[in-house]
Amino acid sequence: MSTLMDSLERVEPNPNIPPLRPGDTVQVHNRIVEGTRQRVQVFRGVVIRMRKGGINSNFTVRRIASHGVGVERTFLLNSPRIEKVEVLRHGKVRRAKLYYLRDRRGKAARLKEKRSA
């Protein structure tokens, strides 16, 4: 039984996903299956949490949709449905879970960009 569990834990990481950190602004290209057709949908937002746990690793991306409604979506890190993830900018944050962004509106919800020096 333990060999089955070990084989599940040794999953090859998706090479199209760069190292992510909370505060990163990303574009997630996700494959959507509608009946017999497939299309790629782009979800752009800020990574507000990373959950690490081997094969169960996931990350949550938050964006502001129309009329100021916040939308969060959780993606499995090892999912074959993720085409690619592009990191657009790195945010300067001091905590691992950015749940406080849920209560912020407008300019208060922005993160400073981390400068590489």
PDB file of N, CA and C in Angstrom:
ATOM      1  N   MET A   1       0.824  -1.196   0.000  1.00  0.00           N
ATOM      2  CA  MET A   1       0.000   0.000   0.000  1.00  0.00           C
ATOM      3  C   MET A   1       0.866   1.257   0.000  1.00  0.00           C
ATOM      4  N   SER A   2       1.981   1.223   0.727  1.00  0.00           N
ATOM      5  CA  SER A   2       2.824   2.417   0.798  1.00  0.00           C
ATOM      6  C   SER A   2       3.512   2.700  -0.539  1.00  0.00           C
ATOM      7  N   THR A   3       3.769   1.661  -1.344  1.00  0.00           N
ATOM      8  CA  THR A   3       4.391   1.912  -2.640  1.00  0.00           C
ATOM      9  C   THR A   3       3.425   2.642  -3.566  1.00  0.00           C
ATOM     10  N   LEU A   4       2.135   2.361  -3.445  1.00  0.00           N
ATOM     11  CA  LEU A   4       1.142   3.074  -4.235  1.00  0.00           C
ATOM     12  C   LEU A   4       1.110   4.549  -3.834  1.00  0.00           C
ATOM     13  N   MET A   5       1.162   4.826  -2.559  1.00  0.00           N
ATOM     14  CA  MET A   5       1.163   6.206  -2.080  1.00  0.00           C
ATOM     15  C   MET A   5       2.439   6.924  -2.513  1.00  0.00           C
ATOM     16  N   ASP A   6       3.562   6.223  -2.466  1.00  0.00           N
ATOM     17  CA  ASP A   6       4.820   6.838  -2.883  1.00  0.00           C
ATOM     18  C   ASP A   6       4.812   7.160  -4.374  1.00  0.00           C
ATOM     19  N   SER A   7       4.209   6.296  -5.174  1.00  0.00           N
ATOM     20  CA  SER A   7       4.169   6.548  -6.610  1.00  0.00           C
ATOM     21  C   SER A   7       3.284   7.743  -6.926  1.00  0.00           C
ATOM     22  N   LEU A   8       2.244   7.957  -6.132  1.00  0.00           N
ATOM     23  CA  LEU A   8       1.387   9.124  -6.346  1.00  0.00           C
ATOM     24  C   LEU A   8       2.095  10.415  -5.954  1.00  0.00           C
ATOM     25  N   GLU A   9       2.925  10.364  -4.959  1.00  0.00           N
ATOM     26  CA  GLU A   9       3.636  11.562  -4.505  1.00  0.00           C
ATOM     27  C   GLU A   9       4.733  11.990  -5.471  1.00  0.00           C
ATOM     28  N   ARG A  10       5.251  11.059  -6.274  1.00  0.00           N
ATOM     29  CA  ARG A  10       6.322  11.384  -7.204  1.00  0.00           C
ATOM     30  C   ARG A  10       5.758  11.788  -8.557  1.00  0.00           C
ATOM     31  N   VAL A  11       5.059  12.890  -8.609  1.00  0.00           N
ATOM     32  CA  VAL A  11       4.493  13.384  -9.857  1.00  0.00           C
ATOM     33  C   VAL A  11       5.437  14.428 -10.433  1.00  0.00           C
ATOM     34  N   GLU A  12       5.646  14.356 -11.738  1.00  0.00           N
ATOM     35  CA  GLU A  12       6.510  15.335 -12.391  1.00  0.00           C
ATOM     36  C   GLU A  12       5.844  16.707 -12.335  1.00  0.00           C
ATOM     37  N   PRO A  13       6.570  17.733 -11.895  1.00  0.00           N
ATOM     38  CA  PRO A  13       5.976  19.072 -11.866  1.00  0.00           C
ATOM     39  C   PRO A  13       5.758  19.591 -13.285  1.00  0.00           C
ATOM     40  N   ASN A  14       4.745  20.423 -13.427  1.00  0.00           N
ATOM     41  CA  ASN A  14       4.425  20.996 -14.726  1.00  0.00           C
ATOM     42  C   ASN A  14       5.528  21.982 -15.117  1.00  0.00           C
ATOM     43  N   PRO A  15       6.224  21.764 -16.233  1.00  0.00           N
ATOM     44  CA  PRO A  15       7.329  22.659 -16.597  1.00  0.00           C
ATOM     45  C   PRO A  15       6.859  24.039 -17.044  1.00  0.00           C
ATOM     46  N   ASN A  16       5.565  24.202 -17.322  1.00  0.00           N
ATOM     47  CA  ASN A  16       5.045  25.487 -17.769  1.00  0.00           C
ATOM     48  C   ASN A  16       4.658  26.405 -16.614  1.00  0.00           C
ATOM     49  N   ILE A  17       4.903  25.968 -15.377  1.00  0.00           N
ATOM     50  CA  ILE A  17       4.574  26.778 -14.209  1.00  0.00           C
ATOM     51  C   ILE A  17       5.876  27.209 -13.537  1.00  0.00           C
ATOM     52  N   PRO A  18       6.187  28.498 -13.558  1.00  0.00           N
ATOM     53  CA  PRO A  18       7.406  28.968 -12.894  1.00  0.00           C
ATOM     54  C   PRO A  18       7.199  28.979 -11.383  1.00  0.00           C
ATOM     55  N   PRO A  19       8.257  29.190 -10.613  1.00  0.00           N
ATOM     56  CA  PRO A  19       8.080  29.301  -9.159  1.00  0.00           C
ATOM     57  C   PRO A  19       7.201  30.497  -8.826  1.00  0.00           C
ATOM     58  N   LEU A  20       6.165  30.254  -8.051  1.00  0.00           N
ATOM     59  CA  LEU A  20       5.210  31.307  -7.689  1.00  0.00           C
ATOM     60  C   LEU A  20       5.352  31.659  -6.225  1.00  0.00           C
ATOM     61  N   ARG A  21       5.013  32.904  -5.879  1.00  0.00           N
ATOM     62  CA  ARG A  21       5.020  33.361  -4.497  1.00  0.00           C
ATOM     63  C   ARG A  21       3.774  34.208  -4.280  1.00  0.00           C
ATOM     64  N   PRO A  22       3.279  34.298  -3.059  1.00  0.00           N
ATOM     65  CA  PRO A  22       2.148  35.199  -2.800  1.00  0.00           C
ATOM     66  C   PRO A  22       2.533  36.638  -3.144  1.00  0.00           C
ATOM     67  N   GLY A  23       1.608  37.350  -3.758  1.00  0.00           N
ATOM     68  CA  GLY A  23       1.856  38.721  -4.173  1.00  0.00           C
ATOM     69  C   GLY A  23       2.202  38.844  -5.640  1.00  0.00           C
ATOM     70  N   ASP A  24       2.482  37.734  -6.315  1.00  0.00           N
ATOM     71  CA  ASP A  24       2.792  37.781  -7.739  1.00  0.00           C
ATOM     72  C   ASP A  24       1.518  38.048  -8.535  1.00  0.00           C
ATOM     73  N   THR A  25       1.629  38.899  -9.538  1.00  0.00           N
ATOM     74  CA  THR A  25       0.541  39.083 -10.493  1.00  0.00           C
ATOM     75  C   THR A  25       0.794  38.122 -11.641  1.00  0.00           C
ATOM     76  N   VAL A  26      -0.176  37.247 -11.896  1.00  0.00           N
ATOM     77  CA  VAL A  26       0.028  36.175 -12.868  1.00  0.00           C
ATOM     78  C   VAL A  26      -1.107  36.126 -13.879  1.00  0.00           C
ATOM     79  N   GLN A  27      -0.812  35.507 -15.003  1.00  0.00           N
ATOM     80  CA  GLN A  27      -1.821  35.137 -15.989  1.00  0.00           C
ATOM     81  C   GLN A  27      -1.809  33.623 -16.083  1.00  0.00           C
ATOM     82  N   VAL A  28      -2.930  33.003 -15.748  1.00  0.00           N
ATOM     83  CA  VAL A  28      -3.043  31.550 -15.798  1.00  0.00           C
ATOM     84  C   VAL A  28      -3.826  31.194 -17.051  1.00  0.00           C
ATOM     85  N   HIS A  29      -3.193  30.433 -17.935  1.00  0.00           N
ATOM     86  CA  HIS A  29      -3.849  29.964 -19.157  1.00  0.00           C
ATOM     87  C   HIS A  29      -4.408  28.572 -18.855  1.00  0.00           C
ATOM     88  N   ASN A  30      -5.730  28.507 -18.728  1.00  0.00           N
ATOM     89  CA  ASN A  30      -6.398  27.290 -18.294  1.00  0.00           C
ATOM     90  C   ASN A  30      -7.213  26.712 -19.451  1.00  0.00           C
ATOM     91  N   ARG A  31      -7.084  25.413 -19.680  1.00  0.00           N
ATOM     92  CA  ARG A  31      -7.826  24.755 -20.744  1.00  0.00           C
ATOM     93  C   ARG A  31      -9.231  24.428 -20.250  1.00  0.00           C
ATOM     94  N   ILE A  32     -10.244  24.900 -20.981  1.00  0.00           N
ATOM     95  CA  ILE A  32     -11.645  24.671 -20.638  1.00  0.00           C
ATOM     96  C   ILE A  32     -12.218  23.691 -21.652  1.00  0.00           C
ATOM     97  N   VAL A  33     -12.908  22.663 -21.155  1.00  0.00           N
ATOM     98  CA  VAL A  33     -13.523  21.668 -22.029  1.00  0.00           C
ATOM     99  C   VAL A  33     -15.029  21.893 -22.001  1.00  0.00           C
ATOM    100  N   GLU A  34     -15.592  22.184 -23.180  1.00  0.00           N
ATOM    101  CA  GLU A  34     -17.039  22.374 -23.321  1.00  0.00           C
ATOM    102  C   GLU A  34     -17.554  21.364 -24.333  1.00  0.00           C
ATOM    103  N   GLY A  35     -18.079  20.262 -23.843  1.00  0.00           N
ATOM    104  CA  GLY A  35     -18.550  19.211 -24.736  1.00  0.00           C
ATOM    105  C   GLY A  35     -17.381  18.575 -25.467  1.00  0.00           C
ATOM    106  N   THR A  36     -17.362  18.725 -26.790  1.00  0.00           N
ATOM    107  CA  THR A  36     -16.265  18.160 -27.572  1.00  0.00           C
ATOM    108  C   THR A  36     -15.206  19.199 -27.906  1.00  0.00           C
ATOM    109  N   ARG A  37     -15.496  20.470 -27.587  1.00  0.00           N
ATOM    110  CA  ARG A  37     -14.559  21.540 -27.928  1.00  0.00           C
ATOM    111  C   ARG A  37     -13.696  21.911 -26.733  1.00  0.00           C
ATOM    112  N   GLN A  38     -12.512  22.407 -27.026  1.00  0.00           N
ATOM    113  CA  GLN A  38     -11.601  22.895 -25.993  1.00  0.00           C
ATOM    114  C   GLN A  38     -11.184  24.306 -26.340  1.00  0.00           C
ATOM    115  N   ARG A  39     -10.993  25.114 -25.305  1.00  0.00           N
ATOM    116  CA  ARG A  39     -10.479  26.454 -25.510  1.00  0.00           C
ATOM    117  C   ARG A  39      -9.621  26.821 -24.317  1.00  0.00           C
ATOM    118  N   VAL A  40      -8.803  27.845 -24.469  1.00  0.00           N
ATOM    119  CA  VAL A  40      -7.922  28.299 -23.398  1.00  0.00           C
ATOM    120  C   VAL A  40      -8.484  29.611 -22.863  1.00  0.00           C
ATOM    121  N   GLN A  41      -8.679  29.659 -21.567  1.00  0.00           N
ATOM    122  CA  GLN A  41      -9.191  30.857 -20.909  1.00  0.00           C
ATOM    123  C   GLN A  41      -8.088  31.434 -20.026  1.00  0.00           C
ATOM    124  N   VAL A  42      -7.900  32.726 -20.093  1.00  0.00           N
ATOM    125  CA  VAL A  42      -6.856  33.387 -19.320  1.00  0.00           C
ATOM    126  C   VAL A  42      -7.486  34.028 -18.086  1.00  0.00           C
ATOM    127  N   PHE A  43      -6.893  33.751 -16.934  1.00  0.00           N
ATOM    128  CA  PHE A  43      -7.343  34.326 -15.666  1.00  0.00           C
ATOM    129  C   PHE A  43      -6.168  35.119 -15.107  1.00  0.00           C
ATOM    130  N   ARG A  44      -6.338  36.438 -15.000  1.00  0.00           N
ATOM    131  CA  ARG A  44      -5.248  37.311 -14.550  1.00  0.00           C
ATOM    132  C   ARG A  44      -5.583  37.882 -13.185  1.00  0.00           C
ATOM    133  N   GLY A  45      -4.650  37.769 -12.254  1.00  0.00           N
ATOM    134  CA  GLY A  45      -4.877  38.299 -10.922  1.00  0.00           C
ATOM    135  C   GLY A  45      -3.654  38.142 -10.040  1.00  0.00           C
ATOM    136  N   VAL A  46      -3.869  38.329  -8.734  1.00  0.00           N
ATOM    137  CA  VAL A  46      -2.798  38.287  -7.746  1.00  0.00           C
ATOM    138  C   VAL A  46      -2.872  36.965  -6.994  1.00  0.00           C
ATOM    139  N   VAL A  47      -1.738  36.312  -6.828  1.00  0.00           N
ATOM    140  CA  VAL A  47      -1.666  35.081  -6.034  1.00  0.00           C
ATOM    141  C   VAL A  47      -1.834  35.478  -4.569  1.00  0.00           C
ATOM    142  N   ILE A  48      -2.915  35.018  -3.926  1.00  0.00           N
ATOM    143  CA  ILE A  48      -3.118  35.385  -2.525  1.00  0.00           C
ATOM    144  C   ILE A  48      -2.743  34.261  -1.575  1.00  0.00           C
ATOM    145  N   ARG A  49      -2.580  33.046  -2.098  1.00  0.00           N
ATOM    146  CA  ARG A  49      -2.104  31.977  -1.224  1.00  0.00           C
ATOM    147  C   ARG A  49      -1.498  30.854  -2.044  1.00  0.00           C
ATOM    148  N   MET A  50      -0.533  30.181  -1.418  1.00  0.00           N
ATOM    149  CA  MET A  50       0.081  28.983  -1.971  1.00  0.00           C
ATOM    150  C   MET A  50      -0.091  27.888  -0.935  1.00  0.00           C
ATOM    151  N   ARG A  51      -0.624  26.771  -1.346  1.00  0.00           N
ATOM    152  CA  ARG A  51      -0.748  25.627  -0.442  1.00  0.00           C
ATOM    153  C   ARG A  51       0.142  24.539  -0.985  1.00  0.00           C
ATOM    154  N   LYS A  52       1.135  24.168  -0.207  1.00  0.00           N
ATOM    155  CA  LYS A  52       2.067  23.137  -0.627  1.00  0.00           C
ATOM    156  C   LYS A  52       1.727  21.852   0.095  1.00  0.00           C
ATOM    157  N   GLY A  53       1.693  20.768  -0.651  1.00  0.00           N
ATOM    158  CA  GLY A  53       1.375  19.487  -0.064  1.00  0.00           C
ATOM    159  C   GLY A  53       1.598  18.371  -1.055  1.00  0.00           C
ATOM    160  N   GLY A  54       2.721  18.416  -1.739  1.00  0.00           N
ATOM    161  CA  GLY A  54       3.013  17.349  -2.690  1.00  0.00           C
ATOM    162  C   GLY A  54       2.096  17.414  -3.888  1.00  0.00           C
ATOM    163  N   ILE A  55       1.369  16.342  -4.104  1.00  0.00           N
ATOM    164  CA  ILE A  55       0.486  16.279  -5.265  1.00  0.00           C
ATOM    165  C   ILE A  55      -0.748  17.166  -5.097  1.00  0.00           C
ATOM    166  N   ASN A  56      -1.070  17.514  -3.872  1.00  0.00           N
ATOM    167  CA  ASN A  56      -2.251  18.337  -3.607  1.00  0.00           C
ATOM    168  C   ASN A  56      -1.940  19.827  -3.576  1.00  0.00           C
ATOM    169  N   SER A  57      -0.781  20.244  -4.022  1.00  0.00           N
ATOM    170  CA  SER A  57      -0.414  21.654  -3.995  1.00  0.00           C
ATOM    171  C   SER A  57      -1.346  22.457  -4.886  1.00  0.00           C
ATOM    172  N   ASN A  58      -1.736  23.632  -4.402  1.00  0.00           N
ATOM    173  CA  ASN A  58      -2.560  24.509  -5.214  1.00  0.00           C
ATOM    174  C   ASN A  58      -2.253  25.957  -4.881  1.00  0.00           C
ATOM    175  N   PHE A  59      -2.757  26.844  -5.720  1.00  0.00           N
ATOM    176  CA  PHE A  59      -2.592  28.269  -5.485  1.00  0.00           C
ATOM    177  C   PHE A  59      -3.880  28.976  -5.852  1.00  0.00           C
ATOM    178  N   THR A  60      -4.163  30.063  -5.141  1.00  0.00           N
ATOM    179  CA  THR A  60      -5.395  30.815  -5.338  1.00  0.00           C
ATOM    180  C   THR A  60      -5.055  32.170  -5.923  1.00  0.00           C
ATOM    181  N   VAL A  61      -5.781  32.536  -6.983  1.00  0.00           N
ATOM    182  CA  VAL A  61      -5.580  33.800  -7.675  1.00  0.00           C
ATOM    183  C   VAL A  61      -6.846  34.624  -7.519  1.00  0.00           C
ATOM    184  N   ARG A  62      -6.685  35.905  -7.184  1.00  0.00           N
ATOM    185  CA  ARG A  62      -7.815  36.805  -6.989  1.00  0.00           C
ATOM    186  C   ARG A  62      -7.735  37.944  -7.995  1.00  0.00           C
ATOM    187  N   ARG A  63      -8.868  38.269  -8.584  1.00  0.00           N
ATOM    188  CA  ARG A  63      -8.936  39.409  -9.484  1.00  0.00           C
ATOM    189  C   ARG A  63     -10.232  40.159  -9.223  1.00  0.00           C
ATOM    190  N   ILE A  64     -10.283  41.379  -9.681  1.00  0.00           N
ATOM    191  CA  ILE A  64     -11.481  42.188  -9.545  1.00  0.00           C
ATOM    192  C   ILE A  64     -12.200  42.161 -10.889  1.00  0.00           C
ATOM    193  N   ALA A  65     -13.413  41.623 -10.902  1.00  0.00           N
ATOM    194  CA  ALA A  65     -14.194  41.523 -12.130  1.00  0.00           C
ATOM    195  C   ALA A  65     -14.998  42.816 -12.314  1.00  0.00           C
ATOM    196  N   SER A  66     -15.954  42.794 -13.203  1.00  0.00           N
ATOM    197  CA  SER A  66     -16.737  43.991 -13.477  1.00  0.00           C
ATOM    198  C   SER A  66     -17.567  44.392 -12.256  1.00  0.00           C
ATOM    199  N   HIS A  67     -17.825  45.675 -12.135  1.00  0.00           N
ATOM    200  CA  HIS A  67     -18.592  46.273 -11.037  1.00  0.00           C
ATOM    201  C   HIS A  67     -17.923  46.070  -9.686  1.00  0.00           C
ATOM    202  N   GLY A  68     -16.605  45.863  -9.676  1.00  0.00           N
ATOM    203  CA  GLY A  68     -15.867  45.776  -8.425  1.00  0.00           C
ATOM    204  C   GLY A  68     -16.074  44.499  -7.642  1.00  0.00           C
ATOM    205  N   VAL A  69     -16.521  43.450  -8.292  1.00  0.00           N
ATOM    206  CA  VAL A  69     -16.750  42.173  -7.619  1.00  0.00           C
ATOM    207  C   VAL A  69     -15.457  41.376  -7.643  1.00  0.00           C
ATOM    208  N   GLY A  70     -15.017  40.909  -6.485  1.00  0.00           N
ATOM    209  CA  GLY A  70     -13.802  40.106  -6.409  1.00  0.00           C
ATOM    210  C   GLY A  70     -14.084  38.656  -6.753  1.00  0.00           C
ATOM    211  N   VAL A  71     -13.225  38.074  -7.570  1.00  0.00           N
ATOM    212  CA  VAL A  71     -13.371  36.674  -7.977  1.00  0.00           C
ATOM    213  C   VAL A  71     -12.077  35.948  -7.627  1.00  0.00           C
ATOM    214  N   GLU A  72     -12.196  34.836  -6.921  1.00  0.00           N
ATOM    215  CA  GLU A  72     -11.036  34.021  -6.580  1.00  0.00           C
ATOM    216  C   GLU A  72     -11.175  32.663  -7.238  1.00  0.00           C
ATOM    217  N   ARG A  73     -10.055  32.155  -7.704  1.00  0.00           N
ATOM    218  CA  ARG A  73     -10.062  30.847  -8.341  1.00  0.00           C
ATOM    219  C   ARG A  73      -8.844  30.079  -7.871  1.00  0.00           C
ATOM    220  N   THR A  74      -9.049  28.825  -7.522  1.00  0.00           N
ATOM    221  CA  THR A  74      -7.978  27.968  -7.039  1.00  0.00           C
ATOM    222  C   THR A  74      -7.592  26.991  -8.145  1.00  0.00           C
ATOM    223  N   PHE A  75      -6.302  26.899  -8.407  1.00  0.00           N
ATOM    224  CA  PHE A  75      -5.775  26.017  -9.443  1.00  0.00           C
ATOM    225  C   PHE A  75      -4.870  24.985  -8.800  1.00  0.00           C
ATOM    226  N   LEU A  76      -4.979  23.733  -9.250  1.00  0.00           N
ATOM    227  CA  LEU A  76      -4.050  22.693  -8.817  1.00  0.00           C
ATOM    228  C   LEU A  76      -2.721  22.906  -9.520  1.00  0.00           C
ATOM    229  N   LEU A  77      -1.663  22.836  -8.761  1.00  0.00           N
ATOM    230  CA  LEU A  77      -0.334  23.116  -9.304  1.00  0.00           C
ATOM    231  C   LEU A  77       0.094  22.058 -10.321  1.00  0.00           C
ATOM    232  N   ASN A  78      -0.309  20.812 -10.134  1.00  0.00           N
ATOM    233  CA  ASN A  78       0.100  19.722 -11.024  1.00  0.00           C
ATOM    234  C   ASN A  78      -0.970  19.352 -12.040  1.00  0.00           C
ATOM    235  N   SER A  79      -1.934  20.232 -12.258  1.00  0.00           N
ATOM    236  CA  SER A  79      -3.031  19.920 -13.159  1.00  0.00           C
ATOM    237  C   SER A  79      -2.576  19.932 -14.616  1.00  0.00           C
ATOM    238  N   PRO A  80      -2.980  18.931 -15.404  1.00  0.00           N
ATOM    239  CA  PRO A  80      -2.637  18.956 -16.822  1.00  0.00           C
ATOM    240  C   PRO A  80      -3.466  19.968 -17.607  1.00  0.00           C
ATOM    241  N   ARG A  81      -4.496  20.541 -16.988  1.00  0.00           N
ATOM    242  CA  ARG A  81      -5.335  21.522 -17.679  1.00  0.00           C
ATOM    243  C   ARG A  81      -4.726  22.916 -17.701  1.00  0.00           C
ATOM    244  N   ILE A  82      -3.690  23.128 -16.934  1.00  0.00           N
ATOM    245  CA  ILE A  82      -3.025  24.424 -16.960  1.00  0.00           C
ATOM    246  C   ILE A  82      -2.028  24.423 -18.107  1.00  0.00           C
ATOM    247  N   GLU A  83      -2.284  25.272 -19.099  1.00  0.00           N
ATOM    248  CA  GLU A  83      -1.381  25.376 -20.250  1.00  0.00           C
ATOM    249  C   GLU A  83      -0.067  26.022 -19.828  1.00  0.00           C
ATOM    250  N   LYS A  84      -0.165  27.193 -19.218  1.00  0.00           N
ATOM    251  CA  LYS A  84       1.036  27.880 -18.749  1.00  0.00           C
ATOM    252  C   LYS A  84       0.628  28.961 -17.763  1.00  0.00           C
ATOM    253  N   VAL A  85       1.608  29.405 -16.992  1.00  0.00           N
ATOM    254  CA  VAL A  85       1.421  30.498 -16.047  1.00  0.00           C
ATOM    255  C   VAL A  85       2.511  31.524 -16.328  1.00  0.00           C
ATOM    256  N   GLU A  86       2.109  32.772 -16.542  1.00  0.00           N
ATOM    257  CA  GLU A  86       3.058  33.850 -16.776  1.00  0.00           C
ATOM    258  C   GLU A  86       3.080  34.752 -15.552  1.00  0.00           C
ATOM    259  N   VAL A  87       4.257  35.011 -15.024  1.00  0.00           N
ATOM    260  CA  VAL A  87       4.399  35.947 -13.915  1.00  0.00           C
ATOM    261  C   VAL A  87       4.655  37.321 -14.513  1.00  0.00           C
ATOM    262  N   LEU A  88       3.727  38.252 -14.270  1.00  0.00           N
ATOM    263  CA  LEU A  88       3.837  39.586 -14.842  1.00  0.00           C
ATOM    264  C   LEU A  88       4.637  40.525 -13.947  1.00  0.00           C
ATOM    265  N   ARG A  89       4.438  40.418 -12.635  1.00  0.00           N
ATOM    266  CA  ARG A  89       5.191  41.241 -11.693  1.00  0.00           C
ATOM    267  C   ARG A  89       5.213  40.573 -10.332  1.00  0.00           C
ATOM    268  N   HIS A  90       6.208  40.916  -9.538  1.00  0.00           N
ATOM    269  CA  HIS A  90       6.348  40.377  -8.194  1.00  0.00           C
ATOM    270  C   HIS A  90       5.946  41.458  -7.207  1.00  0.00           C
ATOM    271  N   GLY A  91       5.016  41.142  -6.327  1.00  0.00           N
ATOM    272  CA  GLY A  91       4.576  42.098  -5.328  1.00  0.00           C
ATOM    273  C   GLY A  91       5.417  42.011  -4.072  1.00  0.00           C
ATOM    274  N   LYS A  92       5.563  43.136  -3.408  1.00  0.00           N
ATOM    275  CA  LYS A  92       6.321  43.194  -2.160  1.00  0.00           C
ATOM    276  C   LYS A  92       5.349  42.937  -1.018  1.00  0.00           C
ATOM    277  N   VAL A  93       5.442  41.738  -0.430  1.00  0.00           N
ATOM    278  CA  VAL A  93       4.529  41.352   0.644  1.00  0.00           C
ATOM    279  C   VAL A  93       5.333  40.805   1.814  1.00  0.00           C
ATOM    280  N   ARG A  94       4.700  40.811   2.988  1.00  0.00           N
ATOM    281  CA  ARG A  94       5.390  40.368   4.195  1.00  0.00           C
ATOM    282  C   ARG A  94       4.689  39.208   4.870  1.00  0.00           C
ATOM    283  N   ARG A  95       3.693  38.641   4.216  1.00  0.00           N
ATOM    284  CA  ARG A  95       3.033  37.483   4.804  1.00  0.00           C
ATOM    285  C   ARG A  95       2.695  36.460   3.733  1.00  0.00           C
ATOM    286  N   ALA A  96       2.394  35.257   4.178  1.00  0.00           N
ATOM    287  CA  ALA A  96       2.214  34.142   3.249  1.00  0.00           C
ATOM    288  C   ALA A  96       0.802  34.076   2.681  1.00  0.00           C
ATOM    289  N   LYS A  97      -0.181  34.494   3.441  1.00  0.00           N
ATOM    290  CA  LYS A  97      -1.569  34.476   2.988  1.00  0.00           C
ATOM    291  C   LYS A  97      -2.069  35.914   2.936  1.00  0.00           C
ATOM    292  N   LEU A  98      -2.528  36.339   1.783  1.00  0.00           N
ATOM    293  CA  LEU A  98      -2.919  37.738   1.583  1.00  0.00           C
ATOM    294  C   LEU A  98      -4.435  37.904   1.638  1.00  0.00           C
ATOM    295  N   TYR A  99      -5.050  37.330   2.662  1.00  0.00           N
ATOM    296  CA  TYR A  99      -6.500  37.403   2.772  1.00  0.00           C
ATOM    297  C   TYR A  99      -6.983  38.820   3.046  1.00  0.00           C
ATOM    298  N   TYR A 100      -6.110  39.689   3.533  1.00  0.00           N
ATOM    299  CA  TYR A 100      -6.525  41.048   3.831  1.00  0.00           C
ATOM    300  C   TYR A 100      -6.886  41.822   2.564  1.00  0.00           C
ATOM    301  N   LEU A 101      -6.467  41.329   1.392  1.00  0.00           N
ATOM    302  CA  LEU A 101      -6.830  41.995   0.140  1.00  0.00           C
ATOM    303  C   LEU A 101      -8.324  41.875  -0.149  1.00  0.00           C
ATOM    304  N   ARG A 102      -8.997  40.931   0.483  1.00  0.00           N
ATOM    305  CA  ARG A 102     -10.432  40.771   0.277  1.00  0.00           C
ATOM    306  C   ARG A 102     -11.207  41.979   0.798  1.00  0.00           C
ATOM    307  N   ASP A 103     -10.677  42.625   1.823  1.00  0.00           N
ATOM    308  CA  ASP A 103     -11.376  43.763   2.424  1.00  0.00           C
ATOM    309  C   ASP A 103     -10.987  45.089   1.791  1.00  0.00           C
ATOM    310  N   ARG A 104      -9.994  45.101   0.933  1.00  0.00           N
ATOM    311  CA  ARG A 104      -9.518  46.348   0.337  1.00  0.00           C
ATOM    312  C   ARG A 104     -10.227  46.608  -0.985  1.00  0.00           C
ATOM    313  N   ARG A 105     -10.395  47.892  -1.300  1.00  0.00           N
ATOM    314  CA  ARG A 105     -11.035  48.303  -2.549  1.00  0.00           C
ATOM    315  C   ARG A 105     -10.152  49.307  -3.259  1.00  0.00           C
ATOM    316  N   GLY A 106     -10.171  49.307  -4.565  1.00  0.00           N
ATOM    317  CA  GLY A 106      -9.500  50.327  -5.357  1.00  0.00           C
ATOM    318  C   GLY A 106      -8.001  50.344  -5.182  1.00  0.00           C
ATOM    319  N   LYS A 107      -7.464  51.559  -4.959  1.00  0.00           N
ATOM    320  CA  LYS A 107      -6.020  51.716  -4.860  1.00  0.00           C
ATOM    321  C   LYS A 107      -5.458  51.068  -3.609  1.00  0.00           C
ATOM    322  N   ALA A 108      -6.266  50.899  -2.588  1.00  0.00           N
ATOM    323  CA  ALA A 108      -5.792  50.272  -1.349  1.00  0.00           C
ATOM    324  C   ALA A 108      -5.481  48.800  -1.553  1.00  0.00           C
ATOM    325  N   ALA A 109      -6.029  48.203  -2.608  1.00  0.00           N
ATOM    326  CA  ALA A 109      -5.809  46.780  -2.864  1.00  0.00           C
ATOM    327  C   ALA A 109      -4.559  46.530  -3.699  1.00  0.00           C
ATOM    328  N   ARG A 110      -3.846  47.595  -4.074  1.00  0.00           N
ATOM    329  CA  ARG A 110      -2.638  47.396  -4.884  1.00  0.00           C
ATOM    330  C   ARG A 110      -1.455  47.026  -4.006  1.00  0.00           C
ATOM    331  N   LEU A 111      -0.526  46.292  -4.586  1.00  0.00           N
ATOM    332  CA  LEU A 111       0.702  45.909  -3.902  1.00  0.00           C
ATOM    333  C   LEU A 111       1.870  46.631  -4.564  1.00  0.00           C
ATOM    334  N   LYS A 112       2.852  47.002  -3.764  1.00  0.00           N
ATOM    335  CA  LYS A 112       4.055  47.608  -4.335  1.00  0.00           C
ATOM    336  C   LYS A 112       4.830  46.526  -5.069  1.00  0.00           C
ATOM    337  N   GLU A 113       5.518  46.968  -6.113  1.00  0.00           N
ATOM    338  CA  GLU A 113       6.303  46.012  -6.907  1.00  0.00           C
ATOM    339  C   GLU A 113       7.670  45.831  -6.279  1.00  0.00           C
ATOM    340  N   LYS A 114       8.096  44.566  -6.241  1.00  0.00           N
ATOM    341  CA  LYS A 114       9.423  44.246  -5.712  1.00  0.00           C
ATOM    342  C   LYS A 114      10.462  44.583  -6.765  1.00  0.00           C
ATOM    343  N   ARG A 115      11.405  45.421  -6.386  1.00  0.00           N
ATOM    344  CA  ARG A 115      12.465  45.822  -7.311  1.00  0.00           C
ATOM    345  C   ARG A 115      13.663  44.907  -7.138  1.00  0.00           C
ATOM    346  N   SER A 116      14.219  44.424  -8.227  1.00  0.00           N
ATOM    347  CA  SER A 116      15.419  43.596  -8.136  1.00  0.00           C
ATOM    348  C   SER A 116      16.628  44.515  -8.186  1.00  0.00           C
ATOM    349  N   ALA A 117      17.403  44.505  -7.123  1.00  0.00           N
ATOM    350  CA  ALA A 117      18.561  45.406  -7.071  1.00  0.00           C
ATOM    351  C   ALA A 117      19.827  44.646  -6.776  1.00  0.00           C
TER     352      ALA A 117
END
